[in-house]
PDB file of N, CA and C in Angstrom:
ATOM      1  N   UNK A   1       0.821  -1.190   0.000  1.00  0.00           N
ATOM      2  CA  UNK A   1       0.000   0.000   0.000  1.00  0.00           C
ATOM      3  C   UNK A   1       0.864   1.252   0.000  1.00  0.00           C
ATOM      4  N   UNK A   2       1.916   1.258   0.769  1.00  0.00           N
ATOM      5  CA  UNK A   2       2.798   2.415   0.851  1.00  0.00           C
ATOM      6  C   UNK A   2       3.512   2.648  -0.475  1.00  0.00           C
ATOM      7  N   UNK A   3       3.855   1.570  -1.173  1.00  0.00           N
ATOM      8  CA  UNK A   3       4.577   1.728  -2.438  1.00  0.00           C
ATOM      9  C   UNK A   3       3.684   2.327  -3.516  1.00  0.00           C
ATOM     10  N   UNK A   4       2.397   2.142  -3.440  1.00  0.00           N
ATOM     11  CA  UNK A   4       1.468   2.756  -4.378  1.00  0.00           C
ATOM     12  C   UNK A   4       1.469   4.271  -4.255  1.00  0.00           C
ATOM     13  N   UNK A   5       1.841   4.760  -3.092  1.00  0.00           N
ATOM     14  CA  UNK A   5       1.899   6.190  -2.856  1.00  0.00           C
ATOM     15  C   UNK A   5       2.946   6.832  -3.759  1.00  0.00           C
ATOM     16  N   UNK A   6       3.992   6.088  -4.079  1.00  0.00           N
ATOM     17  CA  UNK A   6       5.090   6.601  -4.896  1.00  0.00           C
ATOM     18  C   UNK A   6       5.032   6.133  -6.350  1.00  0.00           C
ATOM     19  N   UNK A   7       4.053   5.330  -6.715  1.00  0.00           N
ATOM     20  CA  UNK A   7       3.943   4.838  -8.087  1.00  0.00           C
ATOM     21  C   UNK A   7       3.414   5.957  -8.976  1.00  0.00           C
ATOM     22  N   UNK A   8       4.282   6.473  -9.851  1.00  0.00           N
ATOM     23  CA  UNK A   8       3.927   7.633 -10.663  1.00  0.00           C
ATOM     24  C   UNK A   8       3.860   7.327 -12.155  1.00  0.00           C
ATOM     25  N   UNK A   9       3.771   6.071 -12.514  1.00  0.00           N
ATOM     26  CA  UNK A   9       3.758   5.714 -13.936  1.00  0.00           C
ATOM     27  C   UNK A   9       2.595   6.379 -14.673  1.00  0.00           C
ATOM     28  N   UNK A  10       1.399   6.325 -14.091  1.00  0.00           N
ATOM     29  CA  UNK A  10       0.235   6.948 -14.739  1.00  0.00           C
ATOM     30  C   UNK A  10       0.377   8.467 -14.793  1.00  0.00           C
ATOM     31  N   UNK A  11       0.894   9.038 -13.732  1.00  0.00           N
ATOM     32  CA  UNK A  11       1.103  10.486 -13.675  1.00  0.00           C
ATOM     33  C   UNK A  11       2.100  10.920 -14.744  1.00  0.00           C
ATOM     34  N   UNK A  12       3.169  10.164 -14.891  1.00  0.00           N
ATOM     35  CA  UNK A  12       4.187  10.496 -15.900  1.00  0.00           C
ATOM     36  C   UNK A  12       3.616  10.403 -17.315  1.00  0.00           C
ATOM     37  N   UNK A  13       2.826   9.372 -17.567  1.00  0.00           N
ATOM     38  CA  UNK A  13       2.194   9.240 -18.892  1.00  0.00           C
ATOM     39  C   UNK A  13       1.226  10.390 -19.166  1.00  0.00           C
ATOM     40  N   UNK A  14       0.457  10.745 -18.157  1.00  0.00           N
ATOM     41  CA  UNK A  14      -0.492  11.839 -18.334  1.00  0.00           C
ATOM     42  C   UNK A  14       0.241  13.168 -18.561  1.00  0.00           C
ATOM     43  N   UNK A  15       1.305  13.421 -17.833  1.00  0.00           N
ATOM     44  CA  UNK A  15       2.080  14.653 -18.015  1.00  0.00           C
ATOM     45  C   UNK A  15       2.622  14.727 -19.440  1.00  0.00           C
ATOM     46  N   UNK A  16       3.140  13.617 -19.939  1.00  0.00           N
ATOM     47  CA  UNK A  16       3.664  13.593 -21.311  1.00  0.00           C
ATOM     48  C   UNK A  16       2.563  13.828 -22.330  1.00  0.00           C
ATOM     49  N   UNK A  17       1.393  13.224 -22.109  1.00  0.00           N
ATOM     50  CA  UNK A  17       0.297  13.421 -23.053  1.00  0.00           C
ATOM     51  C   UNK A  17      -0.201  14.861 -23.020  1.00  0.00           C
ATOM     52  N   UNK A  18      -0.189  15.470 -21.859  1.00  0.00           N
ATOM     53  CA  UNK A  18      -0.604  16.863 -21.725  1.00  0.00           C
ATOM     54  C   UNK A  18       0.348  17.785 -22.494  1.00  0.00           C
ATOM     55  N   UNK A  19       1.628  17.565 -22.328  1.00  0.00           N
ATOM     56  CA  UNK A  19       2.624  18.383 -23.030  1.00  0.00           C
ATOM     57  C   UNK A  19       2.546  18.138 -24.535  1.00  0.00           C
ATOM     58  N   UNK A  20       2.355  16.897 -24.945  1.00  0.00           N
ATOM     59  CA  UNK A  20       2.200  16.606 -26.374  1.00  0.00           C
ATOM     60  C   UNK A  20       1.009  17.358 -26.959  1.00  0.00           C
ATOM     61  N   UNK A  21      -0.066  17.416 -26.202  1.00  0.00           N
ATOM     62  CA  UNK A  21      -1.261  18.129 -26.651  1.00  0.00           C
ATOM     63  C   UNK A  21      -0.977  19.632 -26.777  1.00  0.00           C
ATOM     64  N   UNK A  22      -0.256  20.190 -25.828  1.00  0.00           N
ATOM     65  CA  UNK A  22       0.108  21.611 -25.897  1.00  0.00           C
ATOM     66  C   UNK A  22       0.991  21.855 -27.119  1.00  0.00           C
ATOM     67  N   UNK A  23       1.967  20.990 -27.330  1.00  0.00           N
ATOM     68  CA  UNK A  23       2.852  21.132 -28.495  1.00  0.00           C
ATOM     69  C   UNK A  23       2.064  21.090 -29.797  1.00  0.00           C
ATOM     70  N   UNK A  24       1.085  20.225 -29.851  1.00  0.00           N
ATOM     71  CA  UNK A  24       0.269  20.086 -31.057  1.00  0.00           C
ATOM     72  C   UNK A  24      -0.639  21.303 -31.272  1.00  0.00           C
ATOM     73  N   UNK A  25      -1.272  21.752 -30.204  1.00  0.00           N
ATOM     74  CA  UNK A  25      -2.252  22.833 -30.317  1.00  0.00           C
ATOM     75  C   UNK A  25      -1.623  24.220 -30.365  1.00  0.00           C
ATOM     76  N   UNK A  26      -0.470  24.391 -29.715  1.00  0.00           N
ATOM     77  CA  UNK A  26       0.144  25.710 -29.635  1.00  0.00           C
ATOM     78  C   UNK A  26       1.668  25.573 -29.602  1.00  0.00           C
ATOM     79  N   UNK A  27       2.295  25.468 -30.774  1.00  0.00           N
ATOM     80  CA  UNK A  27       3.756  25.357 -30.817  1.00  0.00           C
ATOM     81  C   UNK A  27       4.418  26.570 -30.155  1.00  0.00           C
ATOM     82  N   UNK A  28       5.605  26.386 -29.609  1.00  0.00           N
ATOM     83  CA  UNK A  28       6.286  27.480 -28.900  1.00  0.00           C
ATOM     84  C   UNK A  28       6.443  28.751 -29.747  1.00  0.00           C
ATOM     85  N   UNK A  29       6.593  28.615 -31.034  1.00  0.00           N
ATOM     86  CA  UNK A  29       6.787  29.781 -31.901  1.00  0.00           C
ATOM     87  C   UNK A  29       5.547  30.677 -31.953  1.00  0.00           C
ATOM     88  N   UNK A  30       4.384  30.144 -31.620  1.00  0.00           N
ATOM     89  CA  UNK A  30       3.152  30.925 -31.688  1.00  0.00           C
ATOM     90  C   UNK A  30       2.814  31.648 -30.387  1.00  0.00           C
ATOM     91  N   UNK A  31       3.594  31.456 -29.360  1.00  0.00           N
ATOM     92  CA  UNK A  31       3.306  32.060 -28.061  1.00  0.00           C
ATOM     93  C   UNK A  31       3.332  33.590 -28.139  1.00  0.00           C
ATOM     94  N   UNK A  32       4.268  34.172 -28.847  1.00  0.00           N
ATOM     95  CA  UNK A  32       4.380  35.626 -28.922  1.00  0.00           C
ATOM     96  C   UNK A  32       3.336  36.277 -29.806  1.00  0.00           C
ATOM     97  N   UNK A  33       2.649  35.502 -30.628  1.00  0.00           N
ATOM     98  CA  UNK A  33       1.640  36.036 -31.539  1.00  0.00           C
ATOM     99  C   UNK A  33       0.393  36.417 -30.745  1.00  0.00           C
ATOM    100  N   UNK A  34      -0.062  37.653 -30.902  1.00  0.00           N
ATOM    101  CA  UNK A  34      -1.235  38.094 -30.146  1.00  0.00           C
ATOM    102  C   UNK A  34      -2.454  38.271 -31.040  1.00  0.00           C
ATOM    103  N   UNK A  35      -2.453  37.606 -32.185  1.00  0.00           N
ATOM    104  CA  UNK A  35      -3.581  37.712 -33.102  1.00  0.00           C
ATOM    105  C   UNK A  35      -4.817  37.001 -32.591  1.00  0.00           C
ATOM    106  N   UNK A  36      -5.932  37.310 -33.229  1.00  0.00           N
ATOM    107  CA  UNK A  36      -7.224  36.741 -32.828  1.00  0.00           C
ATOM    108  C   UNK A  36      -7.235  35.223 -32.960  1.00  0.00           C
ATOM    109  N   UNK A  37      -6.641  34.716 -34.033  1.00  0.00           N
ATOM    110  CA  UNK A  37      -6.618  33.277 -34.262  1.00  0.00           C
ATOM    111  C   UNK A  37      -5.832  32.564 -33.149  1.00  0.00           C
ATOM    112  N   UNK A  38      -4.725  33.134 -32.744  1.00  0.00           N
ATOM    113  CA  UNK A  38      -3.920  32.532 -31.673  1.00  0.00           C
ATOM    114  C   UNK A  38      -4.674  32.572 -30.351  1.00  0.00           C
ATOM    115  N   UNK A  39      -5.331  33.672 -30.064  1.00  0.00           N
ATOM    116  CA  UNK A  39      -6.122  33.761 -28.815  1.00  0.00           C
ATOM    117  C   UNK A  39      -7.224  32.712 -28.795  1.00  0.00           C
ATOM    118  N   UNK A  40      -7.862  32.490 -29.940  1.00  0.00           N
ATOM    119  CA  UNK A  40      -8.912  31.464 -30.016  1.00  0.00           C
ATOM    120  C   UNK A  40      -8.329  30.067 -29.815  1.00  0.00           C
ATOM    121  N   UNK A  41      -7.150  29.824 -30.400  1.00  0.00           N
ATOM    122  CA  UNK A  41      -6.505  28.514 -30.216  1.00  0.00           C
ATOM    123  C   UNK A  41      -6.158  28.286 -28.751  1.00  0.00           C
ATOM    124  N   UNK A  42      -5.657  29.323 -28.094  1.00  0.00           N
ATOM    125  CA  UNK A  42      -5.308  29.203 -26.678  1.00  0.00           C
ATOM    126  C   UNK A  42      -6.564  28.934 -25.849  1.00  0.00           C
ATOM    127  N   UNK A  43      -7.641  29.615 -26.166  1.00  0.00           N
ATOM    128  CA  UNK A  43      -8.891  29.427 -25.438  1.00  0.00           C
ATOM    129  C   UNK A  43      -9.423  28.001 -25.599  1.00  0.00           C
ATOM    130  N   UNK A  44      -9.427  27.491 -26.829  1.00  0.00           N
ATOM    131  CA  UNK A  44      -9.884  26.116 -27.061  1.00  0.00           C
ATOM    132  C   UNK A  44      -8.967  25.116 -26.368  1.00  0.00           C
ATOM    133  N   UNK A  45      -7.660  25.356 -26.460  1.00  0.00           N
ATOM    134  CA  UNK A  45      -6.698  24.463 -25.829  1.00  0.00           C
ATOM    135  C   UNK A  45      -6.927  24.438 -24.320  1.00  0.00           C
ATOM    136  N   UNK A  46      -7.133  25.598 -23.736  1.00  0.00           N
ATOM    137  CA  UNK A  46      -7.352  25.683 -22.295  1.00  0.00           C
ATOM    138  C   UNK A  46      -8.597  24.912 -21.881  1.00  0.00           C
ATOM    139  N   UNK A  47      -9.671  25.056 -22.641  1.00  0.00           N
ATOM    140  CA  UNK A  47     -10.908  24.334 -22.328  1.00  0.00           C
ATOM    141  C   UNK A  47     -10.705  22.825 -22.379  1.00  0.00           C
ATOM    142  N   UNK A  48     -10.104  22.352 -23.454  1.00  0.00           N
ATOM    143  CA  UNK A  48      -9.907  20.908 -23.639  1.00  0.00           C
ATOM    144  C   UNK A  48      -8.975  20.347 -22.568  1.00  0.00           C
ATOM    145  N   UNK A  49      -7.849  21.007 -22.353  1.00  0.00           N
ATOM    146  CA  UNK A  49      -6.880  20.484 -21.394  1.00  0.00           C
ATOM    147  C   UNK A  49      -7.387  20.587 -19.958  1.00  0.00           C
ATOM    148  N   UNK A  50      -8.144  21.620 -19.654  1.00  0.00           N
ATOM    149  CA  UNK A  50      -8.726  21.731 -18.309  1.00  0.00           C
ATOM    150  C   UNK A  50      -9.667  20.565 -18.039  1.00  0.00           C
ATOM    151  N   UNK A  51     -10.473  20.227 -19.028  1.00  0.00           N
ATOM    152  CA  UNK A  51     -11.374  19.080 -18.884  1.00  0.00           C
ATOM    153  C   UNK A  51     -10.590  17.792 -18.678  1.00  0.00           C
ATOM    154  N   UNK A  52      -9.509  17.628 -19.429  1.00  0.00           N
ATOM    155  CA  UNK A  52      -8.687  16.418 -19.299  1.00  0.00           C
ATOM    156  C   UNK A  52      -8.047  16.327 -17.917  1.00  0.00           C
ATOM    157  N   UNK A  53      -7.542  17.444 -17.426  1.00  0.00           N
ATOM    158  CA  UNK A  53      -6.896  17.456 -16.112  1.00  0.00           C
ATOM    159  C   UNK A  53      -7.914  17.139 -15.014  1.00  0.00           C
ATOM    160  N   UNK A  54      -9.075  17.748 -15.087  1.00  0.00           N
ATOM    161  CA  UNK A  54     -10.110  17.468 -14.073  1.00  0.00           C
ATOM    162  C   UNK A  54     -10.556  16.006 -14.124  1.00  0.00           C
ATOM    163  N   UNK A  55     -10.728  15.470 -15.314  1.00  0.00           N
ATOM    164  CA  UNK A  55     -11.127  14.062 -15.447  1.00  0.00           C
ATOM    165  C   UNK A  55     -10.057  13.140 -14.882  1.00  0.00           C
ATOM    166  N   UNK A  56      -8.801  13.442 -15.156  1.00  0.00           N
ATOM    167  CA  UNK A  56      -7.706  12.623 -14.627  1.00  0.00           C
ATOM    168  C   UNK A  56      -7.684  12.686 -13.101  1.00  0.00           C
ATOM    169  N   UNK A  57      -7.870  13.869 -12.555  1.00  0.00           N
ATOM    170  CA  UNK A  57      -7.846  14.029 -11.097  1.00  0.00           C
ATOM    171  C   UNK A  57      -9.001  13.275 -10.440  1.00  0.00           C
ATOM    172  N   UNK A  58     -10.151  13.263 -11.085  1.00  0.00           N
ATOM    173  CA  UNK A  58     -11.298  12.538 -10.516  1.00  0.00           C
ATOM    174  C   UNK A  58     -11.118  11.028 -10.628  1.00  0.00           C
ATOM    175  N   UNK A  59     -10.442  10.570 -11.678  1.00  0.00           N
ATOM    176  CA  UNK A  59     -10.289   9.134 -11.913  1.00  0.00           C
ATOM    177  C   UNK A  59      -9.143   8.511 -11.103  1.00  0.00           C
ATOM    178  N   UNK A  60      -8.222   9.337 -10.634  1.00  0.00           N
ATOM    179  CA  UNK A  60      -7.049   8.829  -9.916  1.00  0.00           C
ATOM    180  C   UNK A  60      -6.918   9.536  -8.573  1.00  0.00           C
ATOM    181  N   UNK A  61      -6.554   8.769  -7.587  1.00  0.00           N
ATOM    182  CA  UNK A  61      -6.291   9.371  -6.278  1.00  0.00           C
ATOM    183  C   UNK A  61      -4.883   9.923  -6.303  1.00  0.00           C
ATOM    184  N   UNK A  62      -4.773  11.228  -6.376  1.00  0.00           N
ATOM    185  CA  UNK A  62      -3.468  11.866  -6.466  1.00  0.00           C
ATOM    186  C   UNK A  62      -3.094  12.487  -5.122  1.00  0.00           C
ATOM    187  N   UNK A  63      -2.115  11.882  -4.481  1.00  0.00           N
ATOM    188  CA  UNK A  63      -1.635  12.458  -3.240  1.00  0.00           C
ATOM    189  C   UNK A  63      -0.741  13.660  -3.559  1.00  0.00           C
ATOM    190  N   UNK A  64      -0.253  14.297  -2.547  1.00  0.00           N
ATOM    191  CA  UNK A  64       0.541  15.515  -2.751  1.00  0.00           C
ATOM    192  C   UNK A  64       1.804  15.227  -3.572  1.00  0.00           C
ATOM    193  N   UNK A  65       2.409  14.078  -3.364  1.00  0.00           N
ATOM    194  CA  UNK A  65       3.602  13.720  -4.122  1.00  0.00           C
ATOM    195  C   UNK A  65       3.297  13.578  -5.613  1.00  0.00           C
ATOM    196  N   UNK A  66       2.206  12.919  -5.942  1.00  0.00           N
ATOM    197  CA  UNK A  66       1.848  12.708  -7.344  1.00  0.00           C
ATOM    198  C   UNK A  66       1.443  14.011  -8.025  1.00  0.00           C
ATOM    199  N   UNK A  67       0.748  14.892  -7.311  1.00  0.00           N
ATOM    200  CA  UNK A  67       0.403  16.194  -7.899  1.00  0.00           C
ATOM    201  C   UNK A  67       1.660  17.010  -8.162  1.00  0.00           C
ATOM    202  N   UNK A  68       2.578  16.989  -7.216  1.00  0.00           N
ATOM    203  CA  UNK A  68       3.839  17.716  -7.396  1.00  0.00           C
ATOM    204  C   UNK A  68       4.652  17.110  -8.538  1.00  0.00           C
ATOM    205  N   UNK A  69       4.670  15.813  -8.617  1.00  0.00           N
ATOM    206  CA  UNK A  69       5.405  15.130  -9.685  1.00  0.00           C
ATOM    207  C   UNK A  69       4.830  15.501 -11.053  1.00  0.00           C
ATOM    208  N   UNK A  70       3.506  15.495 -11.166  1.00  0.00           N
ATOM    209  CA  UNK A  70       2.872  15.843 -12.431  1.00  0.00           C
ATOM    210  C   UNK A  70       3.210  17.289 -12.817  1.00  0.00           C
ATOM    211  N   UNK A  71       3.096  18.201 -11.870  1.00  0.00           N
ATOM    212  CA  UNK A  71       3.433  19.592 -12.143  1.00  0.00           C
ATOM    213  C   UNK A  71       4.878  19.761 -12.554  1.00  0.00           C
ATOM    214  N   UNK A  72       5.770  19.076 -11.876  1.00  0.00           N
ATOM    215  CA  UNK A  72       7.198  19.154 -12.186  1.00  0.00           C
ATOM    216  C   UNK A  72       7.500  18.596 -13.573  1.00  0.00           C
ATOM    217  N   UNK A  73       6.895  17.482 -13.905  1.00  0.00           N
ATOM    218  CA  UNK A  73       7.114  16.890 -15.237  1.00  0.00           C
ATOM    219  C   UNK A  73       6.614  17.811 -16.340  1.00  0.00           C
ATOM    220  N   UNK A  74       5.429  18.366 -16.152  1.00  0.00           N
ATOM    221  CA  UNK A  74       4.864  19.280 -17.141  1.00  0.00           C
ATOM    222  C   UNK A  74       5.778  20.492 -17.296  1.00  0.00           C
ATOM    223  N   UNK A  75       6.197  21.054 -16.178  1.00  0.00           N
ATOM    224  CA  UNK A  75       7.043  22.248 -16.207  1.00  0.00           C
ATOM    225  C   UNK A  75       8.337  22.011 -16.981  1.00  0.00           C
ATOM    226  N   UNK A  76       9.038  20.951 -16.681  1.00  0.00           N
ATOM    227  CA  UNK A  76      10.331  20.718 -17.309  1.00  0.00           C
ATOM    228  C   UNK A  76      10.193  20.274 -18.763  1.00  0.00           C
ATOM    229  N   UNK A  77       9.137  19.575 -19.098  1.00  0.00           N
ATOM    230  CA  UNK A  77       8.936  19.195 -20.497  1.00  0.00           C
ATOM    231  C   UNK A  77       8.581  20.411 -21.342  1.00  0.00           C
ATOM    232  N   UNK A  78       7.752  21.303 -20.817  1.00  0.00           N
ATOM    233  CA  UNK A  78       7.430  22.525 -21.553  1.00  0.00           C
ATOM    234  C   UNK A  78       8.667  23.401 -21.713  1.00  0.00           C
ATOM    235  N   UNK A  79       9.435  23.512 -20.659  1.00  0.00           N
ATOM    236  CA  UNK A  79      10.659  24.314 -20.712  1.00  0.00           C
ATOM    237  C   UNK A  79      11.634  23.727 -21.724  1.00  0.00           C
ATOM    238  N   UNK A  80      11.758  22.416 -21.733  1.00  0.00           N
ATOM    239  CA  UNK A  80      12.641  21.738 -22.681  1.00  0.00           C
ATOM    240  C   UNK A  80      12.172  21.875 -24.124  1.00  0.00           C
ATOM    241  N   UNK A  81      10.882  22.068 -24.313  1.00  0.00           N
ATOM    242  CA  UNK A  81      10.329  22.219 -25.658  1.00  0.00           C
ATOM    243  C   UNK A  81      10.507  23.642 -26.190  1.00  0.00           C
ATOM    244  N   UNK A  82      10.957  24.553 -25.326  1.00  0.00           N
ATOM    245  CA  UNK A  82      11.242  25.898 -25.789  1.00  0.00           C
ATOM    246  C   UNK A  82      10.177  26.942 -25.500  1.00  0.00           C
ATOM    247  N   UNK A  83       9.248  26.628 -24.626  1.00  0.00           N
ATOM    248  CA  UNK A  83       8.226  27.617 -24.276  1.00  0.00           C
ATOM    249  C   UNK A  83       8.830  28.675 -23.351  1.00  0.00           C
ATOM    250  N   UNK A  84       8.332  29.928 -23.436  1.00  0.00           N
ATOM    251  CA  UNK A  84       8.832  30.987 -22.547  1.00  0.00           C
ATOM    252  C   UNK A  84       8.534  30.672 -21.081  1.00  0.00           C
ATOM    253  N   UNK A  85       9.394  31.132 -20.201  1.00  0.00           N
ATOM    254  CA  UNK A  85       9.264  30.842 -18.770  1.00  0.00           C
ATOM    255  C   UNK A  85       7.919  31.295 -18.207  1.00  0.00           C
ATOM    256  N   UNK A  86       7.427  32.446 -18.633  1.00  0.00           N
ATOM    257  CA  UNK A  86       6.142  32.949 -18.119  1.00  0.00           C
ATOM    258  C   UNK A  86       5.008  31.988 -18.492  1.00  0.00           C
ATOM    259  N   UNK A  87       5.016  31.465 -19.716  1.00  0.00           N
ATOM    260  CA  UNK A  87       3.990  30.512 -20.137  1.00  0.00           C
ATOM    261  C   UNK A  87       4.111  29.216 -19.345  1.00  0.00           C
ATOM    262  N   UNK A  88       5.331  28.737 -19.190  1.00  0.00           N
ATOM    263  CA  UNK A  88       5.574  27.489 -18.454  1.00  0.00           C
ATOM    264  C   UNK A  88       5.054  27.609 -17.025  1.00  0.00           C
ATOM    265  N   UNK A  89       5.396  28.702 -16.361  1.00  0.00           N
ATOM    266  CA  UNK A  89       4.964  28.894 -14.977  1.00  0.00           C
ATOM    267  C   UNK A  89       3.444  28.996 -14.865  1.00  0.00           C
ATOM    268  N   UNK A  90       2.832  29.771 -15.750  1.00  0.00           N
ATOM    269  CA  UNK A  90       1.376  29.955 -15.698  1.00  0.00           C
ATOM    270  C   UNK A  90       0.646  28.644 -16.000  1.00  0.00           C
ATOM    271  N   UNK A  91       1.106  27.913 -17.004  1.00  0.00           N
ATOM    272  CA  UNK A  91       0.454  26.662 -17.370  1.00  0.00           C
ATOM    273  C   UNK A  91       0.594  25.631 -16.250  1.00  0.00           C
ATOM    274  N   UNK A  92       1.786  25.521 -15.694  1.00  0.00           N
ATOM    275  CA  UNK A  92       2.030  24.564 -14.614  1.00  0.00           C
ATOM    276  C   UNK A  92       1.179  24.902 -13.392  1.00  0.00           C
ATOM    277  N   UNK A  93       1.114  26.160 -13.049  1.00  0.00           N
ATOM    278  CA  UNK A  93       0.301  26.599 -11.914  1.00  0.00           C
ATOM    279  C   UNK A  93      -1.159  26.223 -12.140  1.00  0.00           C
ATOM    280  N   UNK A  94      -1.635  26.451 -13.346  1.00  0.00           N
ATOM    281  CA  UNK A  94      -3.036  26.135 -13.678  1.00  0.00           C
ATOM    282  C   UNK A  94      -3.300  24.628 -13.551  1.00  0.00           C
ATOM    283  N   UNK A  95      -2.387  23.816 -14.043  1.00  0.00           N
ATOM    284  CA  UNK A  95      -2.558  22.355 -13.978  1.00  0.00           C
ATOM    285  C   UNK A  95      -2.622  21.880 -12.524  1.00  0.00           C
ATOM    286  N   UNK A  96      -1.682  22.324 -11.709  1.00  0.00           N
ATOM    287  CA  UNK A  96      -1.653  21.885 -10.309  1.00  0.00           C
ATOM    288  C   UNK A  96      -2.882  22.395  -9.553  1.00  0.00           C
ATOM    289  N   UNK A  97      -3.310  23.609  -9.854  1.00  0.00           N
ATOM    290  CA  UNK A  97      -4.512  24.148  -9.217  1.00  0.00           C
ATOM    291  C   UNK A  97      -5.738  23.320  -9.598  1.00  0.00           C
ATOM    292  N   UNK A  98      -5.877  23.001 -10.878  1.00  0.00           N
ATOM    293  CA  UNK A  98      -7.011  22.173 -11.319  1.00  0.00           C
ATOM    294  C   UNK A  98      -6.995  20.806 -10.658  1.00  0.00           C
ATOM    295  N   UNK A  99      -5.818  20.200 -10.534  1.00  0.00           N
ATOM    296  CA  UNK A  99      -5.707  18.898  -9.878  1.00  0.00           C
ATOM    297  C   UNK A  99      -6.179  18.972  -8.433  1.00  0.00           C
ATOM    298  N   UNK A 100      -5.778  20.022  -7.756  1.00  0.00           N
ATOM    299  CA  UNK A 100      -6.120  20.184  -6.337  1.00  0.00           C
ATOM    300  C   UNK A 100      -7.607  20.454  -6.161  1.00  0.00           C
ATOM    301  N   UNK A 101      -8.155  21.335  -6.974  1.00  0.00           N
ATOM    302  CA  UNK A 101      -9.581  21.685  -6.872  1.00  0.00           C
ATOM    303  C   UNK A 101     -10.458  20.489  -7.254  1.00  0.00           C
ATOM    304  N   UNK A 102     -10.095  19.795  -8.312  1.00  0.00           N
ATOM    305  CA  UNK A 102     -10.890  18.632  -8.749  1.00  0.00           C
ATOM    306  C   UNK A 102     -10.884  17.547  -7.689  1.00  0.00           C
ATOM    307  N   UNK A 103      -9.804  17.414  -6.983  1.00  0.00           N
ATOM    308  CA  UNK A 103      -9.689  16.406  -5.930  1.00  0.00           C
ATOM    309  C   UNK A 103     -10.663  16.686  -4.796  1.00  0.00           C
ATOM    310  N   UNK A 104     -10.865  17.957  -4.502  1.00  0.00           N
ATOM    311  CA  UNK A 104     -11.743  18.331  -3.390  1.00  0.00           C
ATOM    312  C   UNK A 104     -13.212  18.347  -3.793  1.00  0.00           C
ATOM    313  N   UNK A 105     -13.460  18.435  -5.130  1.00  0.00           N
ATOM    314  CA  UNK A 105     -14.834  18.571  -5.603  1.00  0.00           C
ATOM    315  C   UNK A 105     -15.552  17.304  -5.809  1.00  0.00           C
TER     316      UNK A 105
END
């Protein structure tokens, strides 16, 4: 039972799928673009990914270690993909917040 507390295989897979989805929907080169089309893409991406994060949080019991691990994986994968630090921080904060709120709801 205690070892399940540290089993992060599902969390790691979900973090990778989340980053892959961000890469697909909003490549790093489009972050600086403030056009209407980019804003709409960001809005759609946010809606879809927020739903995915909430569904994952409801389907899995995520303790504090697993939530932190997921946030850390997302942060470093986005940073490694070339996203600006402000975007990485804001996106990671949003993911961890959604995980925490969905867990309580």
